[in-house]
Structure formats: structure tokens, C-alpha cells
Amino acid sequence: MENPARAELSRYDITIAGRRFNISSRHGEAHIRKVERLVRQTIEEMGARTQGQSPLNAYLLAALNLGDRLVELESRSDEADQEREQRLQALLGRLRSAVAPGHGSGAGNAPAEQS
């Protein structure tokens, strides 16, 4: 997968809440369409919950909902990163112990041959 930070910017037309936007992104078309669908669906869900209220309320609730999802995913990612770091440190400790002088299967630790 190409690193988006190194990709060239491309322009995309998207439609959210009946409004057309022309955006620039380093991500591909499939990614942009997925984001467009997510935002559109979230606004529609919030609109259904806020019937009779201003459309602005649906937009703000959609933004809050998506922000909440983002913060939750970032938190999970941070926790997973910490867990991976702890596991790597434990493995590194075991590796260091295994190769420390006097441990492991070096030539000095080979069993004696029987005649």
C-alpha cells in the first residue's frame, strides 16, 4: 500500500448533505468514497433522531458522533501500542537472558562425547 504522505494530491468531488465539495487528498478514490459514505450516513442517522429540528443540529451531532468514534479508536490504538511495547520488551529481556554469557548453547556448553 502506498504511503499517503508521499502520494501526490488528487482532487475529488464529493457530496455531503446535498452540497458539493471539491477536496484534495493524498488518499485514493476508494478511501475518499468510504469517508463520504460514512459522513453522509452519520448525518442521515442524526437527522432521523432530530426530526423537526434544524439541519444544523444533525450536522453538529454527526460531527460529535464521528469525533467520539475517532477518540475511541485513538485510545484503543494507544492501548494496543503500549501492550505491544510491553510484549516486545519482555521478549527482548528473554532474548538477552538467552544469549548472556554462561547461558544458551554455545560451544562451551556442548555435551561431552562418549567413547
C-alpha atoms as a PDB file:
ATOM      1  CA  MET A   1       0.000   0.000   0.000  1.00  0.00           C
ATOM      2  CA  GLU A   2       1.334   3.407  -0.921  1.00  0.00           C
ATOM      3  CA  ASN A   3       2.222   5.792   1.876  1.00  0.00           C
ATOM      4  CA  PRO A   4      -0.351   8.639   1.675  1.00  0.00           C
ATOM      5  CA  ALA A   5       2.209  11.140   2.992  1.00  0.00           C
ATOM      6  CA  ARG A   6       4.303  10.581  -0.148  1.00  0.00           C
ATOM      7  CA  ALA A   7       1.486  10.372  -2.682  1.00  0.00           C
ATOM      8  CA  GLU A   8       0.556  13.338  -4.813  1.00  0.00           C
ATOM      9  CA  LEU A   9      -2.565  15.293  -4.001  1.00  0.00           C
ATOM     10  CA  SER A  10      -5.567  14.426  -6.129  1.00  0.00           C
ATOM     11  CA  ARG A  11      -8.846  16.342  -6.389  1.00  0.00           C
ATOM     12  CA  TYR A  12     -12.209  14.723  -5.705  1.00  0.00           C
ATOM     13  CA  ASP A  13     -15.803  15.909  -5.910  1.00  0.00           C
ATOM     14  CA  ILE A  14     -17.928  14.695  -3.022  1.00  0.00           C
ATOM     15  CA  THR A  15     -21.491  15.442  -1.991  1.00  0.00           C
ATOM     16  CA  ILE A  16     -22.485  15.749   1.654  1.00  0.00           C
ATOM     17  CA  ALA A  17     -25.953  16.885   2.767  1.00  0.00           C
ATOM     18  CA  GLY A  18     -26.790  17.959  -0.776  1.00  0.00           C
ATOM     19  CA  ARG A  19     -23.734  20.181  -1.024  1.00  0.00           C
ATOM     20  CA  ARG A  20     -20.911  19.532  -3.410  1.00  0.00           C
ATOM     21  CA  PHE A  21     -17.326  19.898  -2.237  1.00  0.00           C
ATOM     22  CA  ASN A  22     -14.107  19.691  -4.201  1.00  0.00           C
ATOM     23  CA  ILE A  23     -11.408  18.353  -1.899  1.00  0.00           C
ATOM     24  CA  SER A  24      -7.729  17.473  -2.171  1.00  0.00           C
ATOM     25  CA  SER A  25      -6.345  14.277  -0.718  1.00  0.00           C
ATOM     26  CA  ARG A  26      -3.337  12.001  -0.913  1.00  0.00           C
ATOM     27  CA  HIS A  27      -5.610   9.023  -0.354  1.00  0.00           C
ATOM     28  CA  GLY A  28      -7.119   7.169  -3.265  1.00  0.00           C
ATOM     29  CA  GLU A  29     -10.623   7.378  -4.617  1.00  0.00           C
ATOM     30  CA  ALA A  30     -11.850   4.298  -2.710  1.00  0.00           C
ATOM     31  CA  HIS A  31     -10.783   5.852   0.591  1.00  0.00           C
ATOM     32  CA  ILE A  32     -12.448   9.179  -0.220  1.00  0.00           C
ATOM     33  CA  ARG A  33     -15.710   7.475  -1.222  1.00  0.00           C
ATOM     34  CA  LYS A  34     -15.690   5.469   2.010  1.00  0.00           C
ATOM     35  CA  VAL A  35     -15.256   8.668   4.053  1.00  0.00           C
ATOM     36  CA  GLU A  36     -18.003  10.356   2.027  1.00  0.00           C
ATOM     37  CA  ARG A  37     -20.399   7.461   2.725  1.00  0.00           C
ATOM     38  CA  LEU A  38     -19.546   7.434   6.429  1.00  0.00           C
ATOM     39  CA  VAL A  39     -20.169  11.164   6.826  1.00  0.00           C
ATOM     40  CA  ARG A  40     -23.368  11.030   4.761  1.00  0.00           C
ATOM     41  CA  GLN A  41     -24.735   8.030   6.702  1.00  0.00           C
ATOM     42  CA  THR A  42     -23.885   9.591  10.051  1.00  0.00           C
ATOM     43  CA  ILE A  43     -25.653  12.831   9.118  1.00  0.00           C
ATOM     44  CA  GLU A  44     -28.698  10.839   7.944  1.00  0.00           C
ATOM     45  CA  GLU A  45     -28.774   8.859  11.216  1.00  0.00           C
ATOM     46  CA  MET A  46     -28.549  12.026  13.276  1.00  0.00           C
ATOM     47  CA  GLY A  47     -31.186  13.702  11.081  1.00  0.00           C
ATOM     48  CA  ALA A  48     -33.579  10.840  11.781  1.00  0.00           C
ATOM     49  CA  ARG A  49     -33.018  11.320  15.520  1.00  0.00           C
ATOM     50  CA  THR A  50     -33.520  15.091  15.381  1.00  0.00           C
ATOM     51  CA  GLN A  51     -36.581  15.301  13.121  1.00  0.00           C
ATOM     52  CA  GLY A  52     -38.240  18.693  13.271  1.00  0.00           C
ATOM     53  CA  GLN A  53     -35.058  20.378  14.433  1.00  0.00           C
ATOM     54  CA  SER A  54     -32.645  22.448  12.435  1.00  0.00           C
ATOM     55  CA  PRO A  55     -30.445  20.507   9.981  1.00  0.00           C
ATOM     56  CA  LEU A  56     -27.534  22.185  11.731  1.00  0.00           C
ATOM     57  CA  ASN A  57     -28.317  20.044  14.797  1.00  0.00           C
ATOM     58  CA  ALA A  58     -27.936  16.888  12.709  1.00  0.00           C
ATOM     59  CA  TYR A  59     -24.618  18.138  11.333  1.00  0.00           C
ATOM     60  CA  LEU A  60     -23.301  19.009  14.779  1.00  0.00           C
ATOM     61  CA  LEU A  61     -24.429  15.688  16.248  1.00  0.00           C
ATOM     62  CA  ALA A  62     -22.818  13.863  13.326  1.00  0.00           C
ATOM     63  CA  ALA A  63     -19.558  15.735  13.980  1.00  0.00           C
ATOM     64  CA  LEU A  64     -19.746  14.837  17.674  1.00  0.00           C
ATOM     65  CA  ASN A  65     -20.521  11.211  16.856  1.00  0.00           C
ATOM     66  CA  LEU A  66     -17.604  10.927  14.422  1.00  0.00           C
ATOM     67  CA  GLY A  67     -15.309  12.734  16.865  1.00  0.00           C
ATOM     68  CA  ASP A  68     -16.310  10.273  19.584  1.00  0.00           C
ATOM     69  CA  ARG A  69     -15.507   7.340  17.295  1.00  0.00           C
ATOM     70  CA  LEU A  70     -12.134   8.863  16.441  1.00  0.00           C
ATOM     71  CA  VAL A  71     -11.179   9.425  20.084  1.00  0.00           C
ATOM     72  CA  GLU A  72     -12.249   5.875  20.968  1.00  0.00           C
ATOM     73  CA  LEU A  73     -10.175   4.389  18.132  1.00  0.00           C
ATOM     74  CA  GLU A  74      -7.161   6.507  19.073  1.00  0.00           C
ATOM     75  CA  SER A  75      -7.483   5.324  22.670  1.00  0.00           C
ATOM     76  CA  ARG A  76      -7.666   1.687  21.588  1.00  0.00           C
ATOM     77  CA  SER A  77      -4.678   2.200  19.309  1.00  0.00           C
ATOM     78  CA  ASP A  78      -2.655   3.761  22.136  1.00  0.00           C
ATOM     79  CA  GLU A  79      -3.533   0.855  24.437  1.00  0.00           C
ATOM     80  CA  ALA A  80      -2.558  -1.671  21.752  1.00  0.00           C
ATOM     81  CA  ASP A  81       0.722   0.185  21.162  1.00  0.00           C
ATOM     82  CA  GLN A  82       1.506   0.060  24.875  1.00  0.00           C
ATOM     83  CA  GLU A  83       0.691  -3.654  25.027  1.00  0.00           C
ATOM     84  CA  ARG A  84       2.914  -4.369  22.005  1.00  0.00           C
ATOM     85  CA  GLU A  85       5.729  -2.346  23.564  1.00  0.00           C
ATOM     86  CA  GLN A  86       5.450  -4.314  26.826  1.00  0.00           C
ATOM     87  CA  ARG A  87       5.461  -7.621  24.949  1.00  0.00           C
ATOM     88  CA  LEU A  88       8.470  -6.570  22.873  1.00  0.00           C
ATOM     89  CA  GLN A  89      10.361  -5.500  26.000  1.00  0.00           C
ATOM     90  CA  ALA A  90       9.586  -8.857  27.650  1.00  0.00           C
ATOM     91  CA  LEU A  91      10.778 -10.731  24.561  1.00  0.00           C
ATOM     92  CA  LEU A  92      13.906  -8.601  24.408  1.00  0.00           C
ATOM     93  CA  GLY A  93      14.614  -9.407  28.053  1.00  0.00           C
ATOM     94  CA  ARG A  94      14.216 -13.121  27.374  1.00  0.00           C
ATOM     95  CA  LEU A  95      16.480 -12.863  24.337  1.00  0.00           C
ATOM     96  CA  ARG A  96      19.144 -11.028  26.323  1.00  0.00           C
ATOM     97  CA  SER A  97      18.979 -13.677  29.047  1.00  0.00           C
ATOM     98  CA  ALA A  98      19.262 -16.456  26.493  1.00  0.00           C
ATOM     99  CA  VAL A  99      22.409 -15.040  24.893  1.00  0.00           C
ATOM    100  CA  ALA A 100      24.080 -13.827  28.100  1.00  0.00           C
ATOM    101  CA  PRO A 101      27.490 -15.397  28.884  1.00  0.00           C
ATOM    102  CA  GLY A 102      27.059 -18.749  30.608  1.00  0.00           C
ATOM    103  CA  HIS A 103      23.604 -19.323  29.071  1.00  0.00           C
ATOM    104  CA  GLY A 104      22.441 -20.762  25.776  1.00  0.00           C
ATOM    105  CA  SER A 105      24.007 -23.464  23.621  1.00  0.00           C
ATOM    106  CA  GLY A 106      27.452 -22.105  22.821  1.00  0.00           C
ATOM    107  CA  ALA A 107      30.463 -24.393  22.167  1.00  0.00           C
ATOM    108  CA  GLY A 108      31.389 -24.380  25.836  1.00  0.00           C
ATOM    109  CA  ASN A 109      28.018 -25.860  26.727  1.00  0.00           C
ATOM    110  CA  ALA A 110      28.072 -28.824  24.308  1.00  0.00           C
ATOM    111  CA  PRO A 111      27.748 -32.254  25.923  1.00  0.00           C
ATOM    112  CA  ALA A 112      30.911 -34.385  26.068  1.00  0.00           C
ATOM    113  CA  GLU A 113      31.217 -37.178  23.505  1.00  0.00           C
ATOM    114  CA  GLN A 114      31.187 -40.752  24.782  1.00  0.00           C
ATOM    115  CA  SER A 115      33.797 -43.234  23.542  1.00  0.00           C
END
